[in-house]
Amino acid sequence: MAGNSKRVIVHIESTAGTGYRYTITKSKKTHPERVEHKKYDPKIKKHVMFKETK
């Protein structure tokens, strides 16, 4: 990522309790709140909600 980029790198973690994480980027300006995405968790082989961690 460029040093002057407006986007930040965040980790989203599975709500299923497996500890699986994805790394995504988001714009702090347009999405100041924590993000939630429904993505695939390969440890339980299902789609579950992933929430942004600290």
Protein backbone atom coordinates (compact mmCIF):
# COMPACT_ATOMS: atom_id res chain seq x y z
CA MET A 1 0.00 0.00 0.00
CA ALA A 2 1.20 3.49 -0.73
CA GLY A 3 2.05 5.66 2.25
CA ASN A 4 -0.35 8.42 1.21
CA SER A 5 -3.31 6.10 0.60
CA LYS A 6 -6.74 6.98 2.03
CA ARG A 7 -7.47 3.30 2.69
CA VAL A 8 -6.45 1.30 5.76
CA ILE A 9 -5.78 -2.43 6.18
CA VAL A 10 -8.17 -4.17 8.59
CA HIS A 11 -8.65 -7.76 9.74
CA ILE A 12 -12.06 -9.39 9.82
CA GLU A 13 -12.51 -12.47 12.01
CA SER A 14 -15.07 -15.28 11.86
CA THR A 15 -17.98 -15.08 14.30
CA ALA A 16 -18.10 -18.90 14.35
CA GLY A 17 -15.23 -18.95 16.84
CA THR A 18 -12.71 -20.71 14.59
CA GLY A 19 -10.22 -17.84 14.65
CA TYR A 20 -10.05 -17.68 10.85
CA ARG A 21 -9.28 -14.18 9.50
CA TYR A 22 -9.31 -12.29 6.23
CA THR A 23 -7.33 -9.11 5.52
CA ILE A 24 -9.19 -6.38 3.62
CA THR A 25 -8.85 -2.65 3.00
CA LYS A 26 -11.48 -0.05 3.73
CA SER A 27 -11.88 3.69 3.40
CA LYS A 28 -12.03 5.41 6.80
CA LYS A 29 -13.78 8.38 5.21
CA THR A 30 -16.76 6.55 3.71
CA HIS A 31 -16.96 3.69 6.30
CA PRO A 32 -15.88 4.95 9.74
CA GLU A 33 -17.86 2.17 11.48
CA ARG A 34 -16.68 -1.44 11.85
CA VAL A 35 -17.31 -3.57 8.77
CA GLU A 36 -19.16 -6.89 8.55
CA HIS A 37 -19.03 -9.27 5.59
CA LYS A 38 -20.51 -12.69 4.97
CA LYS A 39 -17.61 -14.82 3.74
CA TYR A 40 -16.51 -18.45 3.55
CA ASP A 41 -14.86 -20.02 6.61
CA PRO A 42 -12.85 -23.04 5.39
CA LYS A 43 -12.45 -24.51 8.88
CA ILE A 44 -16.19 -25.22 9.20
CA LYS A 45 -16.88 -25.23 5.43
CA LYS A 46 -19.73 -22.69 5.62
CA HIS A 47 -20.43 -19.04 4.94
CA VAL A 48 -20.58 -17.03 8.18
CA MET A 49 -20.43 -13.41 9.25
CA PHE A 50 -16.99 -11.90 9.68
CA LYS A 51 -16.58 -8.79 11.85
CA GLU A 52 -13.75 -6.28 11.99
CA THR A 53 -11.31 -6.75 14.88
CA LYS A 54 -9.12 -4.17 16.57
